[in-house]
Amino acid sequence: MQLSDENASSIVISDEIVVMLLTREYFSTFISKSIADAKTQTEVLLALSADSHETVDALVAKAFAAGGTEPREPQDLGFMYGRPFEDLDGHTWEIFYMDLSAAPPQP
């Protein structure tokens, strides 16, 4: 992708979603605050939906193969299945699949 270089990597998730991963130094040029240490503090939970239970497992397996870790067990609520991983910087990502037709009715 055009926006990738030694300071940034663009990851195309879908036609509508592109994730930009920046070096700490480059990221600091966009902000006026200090950068949080995501290994000791939670600054954000990034959630992405997948189209199936199997896709969730496949994407999280790729994250683990790249060095990600599992901060907690997968969560299966029947109508919703999610698995988190922490990236190398400590940011938490949650990949989930939801079947709204199987969700419990709202009161």
N, C-alpha and C. Protein backbone atom coordinates (compact mmCIF):
# COMPACT_ATOMS: atom_id res chain seq x y z
N MET A 1 0.85 -1.19 0.00
CA MET A 1 0.00 0.00 0.00
C MET A 1 0.89 1.24 0.00
N GLN A 2 0.42 2.32 -0.57
CA GLN A 2 1.19 3.55 -0.72
C GLN A 2 1.61 4.16 0.61
N LEU A 3 0.86 3.96 1.68
CA LEU A 3 1.13 4.62 2.95
C LEU A 3 2.06 3.81 3.86
N SER A 4 2.71 2.82 3.35
CA SER A 4 3.64 2.01 4.13
C SER A 4 5.08 2.39 3.81
N ASP A 5 5.88 2.55 4.86
CA ASP A 5 7.31 2.81 4.70
C ASP A 5 8.01 2.37 5.98
N GLU A 6 9.22 2.87 6.24
CA GLU A 6 9.95 2.46 7.44
C GLU A 6 9.32 2.99 8.74
N ASN A 7 8.39 3.94 8.63
CA ASN A 7 7.72 4.51 9.80
C ASN A 7 6.30 4.00 10.01
N ALA A 8 5.69 3.45 8.97
CA ALA A 8 4.29 3.07 9.05
C ALA A 8 4.01 1.84 8.18
N SER A 9 3.09 1.04 8.67
CA SER A 9 2.65 -0.12 7.90
C SER A 9 1.13 -0.08 7.82
N SER A 10 0.61 -0.08 6.61
CA SER A 10 -0.83 -0.08 6.39
C SER A 10 -1.30 -1.51 6.19
N ILE A 11 -2.27 -1.93 6.98
CA ILE A 11 -2.81 -3.28 6.88
C ILE A 11 -4.26 -3.16 6.43
N VAL A 12 -4.57 -3.69 5.27
CA VAL A 12 -5.93 -3.63 4.74
C VAL A 12 -6.74 -4.77 5.35
N ILE A 13 -7.74 -4.41 6.14
CA ILE A 13 -8.62 -5.40 6.76
C ILE A 13 -9.79 -5.71 5.82
N SER A 14 -10.35 -4.68 5.21
CA SER A 14 -11.46 -4.84 4.26
C SER A 14 -11.47 -3.59 3.37
N ASP A 15 -12.46 -3.51 2.48
CA ASP A 15 -12.58 -2.32 1.63
C ASP A 15 -12.81 -1.05 2.45
N GLU A 16 -13.38 -1.20 3.64
CA GLU A 16 -13.70 -0.06 4.49
C GLU A 16 -12.73 0.16 5.63
N ILE A 17 -11.87 -0.81 5.95
CA ILE A 17 -11.02 -0.72 7.15
C ILE A 17 -9.55 -0.90 6.78
N VAL A 18 -8.75 0.09 7.15
CA VAL A 18 -7.30 0.01 7.02
C VAL A 18 -6.71 0.37 8.37
N VAL A 19 -5.84 -0.46 8.90
CA VAL A 19 -5.17 -0.20 10.17
C VAL A 19 -3.77 0.32 9.87
N MET A 20 -3.41 1.40 10.53
CA MET A 20 -2.06 1.96 10.38
C MET A 20 -1.26 1.65 11.65
N LEU A 21 -0.15 0.98 11.49
CA LEU A 21 0.77 0.72 12.60
C LEU A 21 1.98 1.63 12.40
N LEU A 22 2.26 2.47 13.40
CA LEU A 22 3.32 3.46 13.29
C LEU A 22 4.42 3.18 14.30
N THR A 23 5.64 3.59 13.97
CA THR A 23 6.70 3.54 14.97
C THR A 23 6.36 4.55 16.06
N ARG A 24 6.87 4.34 17.26
CA ARG A 24 6.60 5.26 18.37
C ARG A 24 7.04 6.68 18.01
N GLU A 25 8.21 6.79 17.41
CA GLU A 25 8.74 8.11 17.09
C GLU A 25 7.85 8.84 16.09
N TYR A 26 7.41 8.14 15.06
CA TYR A 26 6.55 8.75 14.05
C TYR A 26 5.18 9.08 14.65
N PHE A 27 4.63 8.17 15.45
CA PHE A 27 3.34 8.40 16.09
C PHE A 27 3.38 9.66 16.94
N SER A 28 4.50 9.91 17.61
CA SER A 28 4.60 11.08 18.49
C SER A 28 4.48 12.40 17.72
N THR A 29 4.70 12.38 16.41
CA THR A 29 4.56 13.62 15.63
C THR A 29 3.10 14.00 15.40
N PHE A 30 2.17 13.09 15.69
CA PHE A 30 0.74 13.35 15.49
C PHE A 30 0.02 13.77 16.77
N ILE A 31 0.71 13.69 17.92
CA ILE A 31 0.04 13.92 19.20
C ILE A 31 0.82 14.92 20.05
N SER A 32 0.13 15.50 21.04
CA SER A 32 0.81 16.42 21.95
C SER A 32 0.99 15.81 23.33
N LYS A 33 0.37 14.68 23.60
CA LYS A 33 0.49 13.99 24.89
C LYS A 33 1.60 12.94 24.82
N SER A 34 1.97 12.41 25.98
CA SER A 34 2.94 11.32 25.98
C SER A 34 2.26 10.04 25.54
N ILE A 35 3.04 9.10 25.07
CA ILE A 35 2.53 7.80 24.62
C ILE A 35 2.42 6.88 25.82
N ALA A 36 1.24 6.29 26.02
CA ALA A 36 1.01 5.38 27.13
C ALA A 36 1.79 4.08 26.92
N ASP A 37 2.15 3.45 28.03
CA ASP A 37 2.80 2.14 27.97
C ASP A 37 1.71 1.09 28.06
N ALA A 38 1.30 0.55 26.92
CA ALA A 38 0.19 -0.39 26.86
C ALA A 38 0.51 -1.73 27.52
N LYS A 39 1.77 -1.96 27.89
CA LYS A 39 2.11 -3.20 28.59
C LYS A 39 1.79 -3.10 30.07
N THR A 40 1.60 -1.87 30.59
CA THR A 40 1.28 -1.70 32.01
C THR A 40 -0.05 -1.01 32.23
N GLN A 41 -0.63 -0.40 31.19
CA GLN A 41 -1.89 0.32 31.28
C GLN A 41 -2.75 -0.04 30.08
N THR A 42 -4.06 -0.05 30.28
CA THR A 42 -4.95 -0.27 29.15
C THR A 42 -5.37 1.08 28.62
N GLU A 43 -5.06 1.33 27.36
CA GLU A 43 -5.43 2.60 26.76
C GLU A 43 -6.59 2.47 25.79
N VAL A 44 -6.74 1.27 25.22
CA VAL A 44 -7.78 1.08 24.22
C VAL A 44 -8.03 -0.41 24.03
N LEU A 45 -9.25 -0.77 23.67
CA LEU A 45 -9.59 -2.12 23.24
C LEU A 45 -10.09 -1.98 21.81
N LEU A 46 -9.41 -2.60 20.88
CA LEU A 46 -9.75 -2.52 19.46
C LEU A 46 -10.53 -3.77 19.09
N ALA A 47 -11.75 -3.61 18.61
CA ALA A 47 -12.59 -4.75 18.27
C ALA A 47 -12.90 -4.76 16.78
N LEU A 48 -12.74 -5.94 16.18
CA LEU A 48 -13.04 -6.13 14.76
C LEU A 48 -13.97 -7.32 14.62
N SER A 49 -15.00 -7.18 13.81
CA SER A 49 -15.93 -8.30 13.61
C SER A 49 -15.42 -9.19 12.48
N ALA A 50 -15.76 -10.45 12.61
CA ALA A 50 -15.41 -11.46 11.60
C ALA A 50 -16.71 -12.09 11.11
N ASP A 51 -16.64 -12.80 9.99
CA ASP A 51 -17.87 -13.36 9.41
C ASP A 51 -18.19 -14.78 9.88
N SER A 52 -17.35 -15.36 10.75
CA SER A 52 -17.65 -16.69 11.28
C SER A 52 -16.77 -16.99 12.50
N HIS A 53 -17.19 -17.99 13.24
CA HIS A 53 -16.44 -18.49 14.39
C HIS A 53 -15.05 -18.95 13.93
N GLU A 54 -14.99 -19.63 12.80
CA GLU A 54 -13.74 -20.13 12.26
C GLU A 54 -12.80 -19.00 11.84
N THR A 55 -13.36 -17.94 11.30
CA THR A 55 -12.54 -16.79 10.90
C THR A 55 -11.92 -16.13 12.13
N VAL A 56 -12.68 -16.04 13.22
CA VAL A 56 -12.13 -15.51 14.47
C VAL A 56 -10.89 -16.31 14.86
N ASP A 57 -11.03 -17.63 14.91
CA ASP A 57 -9.91 -18.49 15.31
C ASP A 57 -8.73 -18.36 14.36
N ALA A 58 -8.99 -18.26 13.07
CA ALA A 58 -7.91 -18.16 12.08
C ALA A 58 -7.15 -16.84 12.23
N LEU A 59 -7.87 -15.73 12.42
CA LEU A 59 -7.20 -14.44 12.57
C LEU A 59 -6.38 -14.37 13.85
N VAL A 60 -6.93 -14.89 14.94
CA VAL A 60 -6.20 -14.88 16.21
C VAL A 60 -4.98 -15.81 16.12
N ALA A 61 -5.11 -16.93 15.43
CA ALA A 61 -3.95 -17.82 15.24
C ALA A 61 -2.82 -17.10 14.51
N LYS A 62 -3.16 -16.27 13.52
CA LYS A 62 -2.15 -15.48 12.81
C LYS A 62 -1.47 -14.49 13.75
N ALA A 63 -2.26 -13.88 14.62
CA ALA A 63 -1.70 -12.94 15.60
C ALA A 63 -0.74 -13.66 16.54
N PHE A 64 -1.10 -14.86 16.99
CA PHE A 64 -0.22 -15.63 17.87
C PHE A 64 1.06 -16.03 17.14
N ALA A 65 0.94 -16.40 15.87
CA ALA A 65 2.11 -16.79 15.08
C ALA A 65 3.07 -15.62 14.89
N ALA A 66 2.53 -14.39 14.93
CA ALA A 66 3.36 -13.20 14.76
C ALA A 66 3.90 -12.68 16.10
N GLY A 67 3.62 -13.40 17.18
CA GLY A 67 4.16 -13.01 18.48
C GLY A 67 3.15 -12.45 19.46
N GLY A 68 1.88 -12.39 19.07
CA GLY A 68 0.84 -11.92 19.98
C GLY A 68 0.62 -12.92 21.10
N THR A 69 0.00 -12.44 22.18
CA THR A 69 -0.28 -13.30 23.33
C THR A 69 -1.76 -13.27 23.64
N GLU A 70 -2.19 -14.25 24.44
CA GLU A 70 -3.60 -14.38 24.79
C GLU A 70 -3.83 -13.87 26.21
N PRO A 71 -4.48 -12.70 26.37
CA PRO A 71 -4.66 -12.13 27.70
C PRO A 71 -5.75 -12.81 28.54
N ARG A 72 -6.66 -13.50 27.88
CA ARG A 72 -7.72 -14.25 28.58
C ARG A 72 -8.29 -15.29 27.63
N GLU A 73 -9.09 -16.16 28.20
CA GLU A 73 -9.71 -17.24 27.42
C GLU A 73 -10.75 -16.67 26.44
N PRO A 74 -11.03 -17.41 25.35
CA PRO A 74 -12.11 -17.00 24.44
C PRO A 74 -13.44 -16.93 25.19
N GLN A 75 -14.35 -16.13 24.68
CA GLN A 75 -15.67 -15.99 25.28
C GLN A 75 -16.70 -16.45 24.26
N ASP A 76 -17.50 -17.46 24.64
CA ASP A 76 -18.54 -17.98 23.76
C ASP A 76 -19.89 -17.83 24.44
N LEU A 77 -20.71 -16.92 23.95
CA LEU A 77 -22.04 -16.68 24.50
C LEU A 77 -23.14 -17.31 23.66
N GLY A 78 -22.75 -18.20 22.76
CA GLY A 78 -23.72 -18.83 21.87
C GLY A 78 -23.95 -17.98 20.62
N PHE A 79 -24.56 -16.83 20.79
CA PHE A 79 -24.81 -15.93 19.66
C PHE A 79 -23.59 -15.07 19.33
N MET A 80 -22.62 -15.00 20.27
CA MET A 80 -21.43 -14.19 20.05
C MET A 80 -20.20 -14.96 20.55
N TYR A 81 -19.15 -14.94 19.72
CA TYR A 81 -17.90 -15.62 20.05
C TYR A 81 -16.77 -14.62 19.85
N GLY A 82 -15.93 -14.46 20.85
CA GLY A 82 -14.82 -13.52 20.74
C GLY A 82 -13.55 -14.06 21.34
N ARG A 83 -12.44 -13.66 20.74
CA ARG A 83 -11.11 -14.04 21.24
C ARG A 83 -10.22 -12.81 21.21
N PRO A 84 -9.57 -12.51 22.31
CA PRO A 84 -8.66 -11.38 22.33
C PRO A 84 -7.22 -11.81 22.07
N PHE A 85 -6.41 -10.86 21.67
CA PHE A 85 -4.97 -11.05 21.67
C PHE A 85 -4.31 -9.72 21.98
N GLU A 86 -3.13 -9.77 22.54
CA GLU A 86 -2.34 -8.57 22.74
C GLU A 86 -1.24 -8.55 21.70
N ASP A 87 -1.07 -7.39 21.05
CA ASP A 87 -0.01 -7.27 20.07
C ASP A 87 1.34 -7.07 20.77
N LEU A 88 2.40 -6.93 20.01
CA LEU A 88 3.73 -6.85 20.59
C LEU A 88 3.93 -5.63 21.47
N ASP A 89 3.13 -4.58 21.28
CA ASP A 89 3.22 -3.39 22.11
C ASP A 89 2.30 -3.45 23.33
N GLY A 90 1.49 -4.51 23.42
CA GLY A 90 0.59 -4.66 24.56
C GLY A 90 -0.83 -4.19 24.33
N HIS A 91 -1.15 -3.73 23.12
CA HIS A 91 -2.52 -3.30 22.82
C HIS A 91 -3.43 -4.53 22.72
N THR A 92 -4.64 -4.39 23.25
CA THR A 92 -5.59 -5.50 23.22
C THR A 92 -6.52 -5.37 22.02
N TRP A 93 -6.59 -6.45 21.25
CA TRP A 93 -7.50 -6.56 20.10
C TRP A 93 -8.50 -7.66 20.42
N GLU A 94 -9.75 -7.47 20.04
CA GLU A 94 -10.78 -8.48 20.21
C GLU A 94 -11.37 -8.76 18.83
N ILE A 95 -11.27 -9.99 18.39
CA ILE A 95 -11.89 -10.41 17.14
C ILE A 95 -13.15 -11.18 17.54
N PHE A 96 -14.29 -10.79 16.97
CA PHE A 96 -15.53 -11.44 17.39
C PHE A 96 -16.44 -11.73 16.21
N TYR A 97 -17.28 -12.73 16.40
CA TYR A 97 -18.34 -13.07 15.46
C TYR A 97 -19.65 -12.99 16.22
N MET A 98 -20.67 -12.35 15.62
CA MET A 98 -21.97 -12.24 16.27
C MET A 98 -23.07 -12.63 15.29
N ASP A 99 -23.95 -13.51 15.75
CA ASP A 99 -25.14 -13.90 14.99
C ASP A 99 -26.34 -13.28 15.70
N LEU A 100 -26.75 -12.11 15.25
CA LEU A 100 -27.83 -11.39 15.92
C LEU A 100 -29.16 -12.15 15.88
N SER A 101 -29.34 -13.01 14.88
CA SER A 101 -30.60 -13.78 14.81
C SER A 101 -30.69 -14.78 15.95
N ALA A 102 -29.57 -15.13 16.56
CA ALA A 102 -29.54 -16.07 17.67
C ALA A 102 -29.43 -15.37 19.03
N ALA A 103 -29.36 -14.04 19.02
CA ALA A 103 -29.23 -13.28 20.27
C ALA A 103 -30.51 -13.35 21.08
N PRO A 104 -30.36 -13.33 22.42
CA PRO A 104 -31.57 -13.32 23.26
C PRO A 104 -32.38 -12.06 23.02
N PRO A 105 -33.70 -12.15 23.13
CA PRO A 105 -34.54 -10.96 22.91
C PRO A 105 -34.26 -9.90 23.97
N GLN A 106 -34.33 -8.65 23.55
CA GLN A 106 -34.15 -7.53 24.47
C GLN A 106 -35.47 -7.24 25.18
N PRO A 107 -35.41 -6.87 26.47
CA PRO A 107 -36.66 -6.56 27.19
C PRO A 107 -37.29 -5.29 26.69
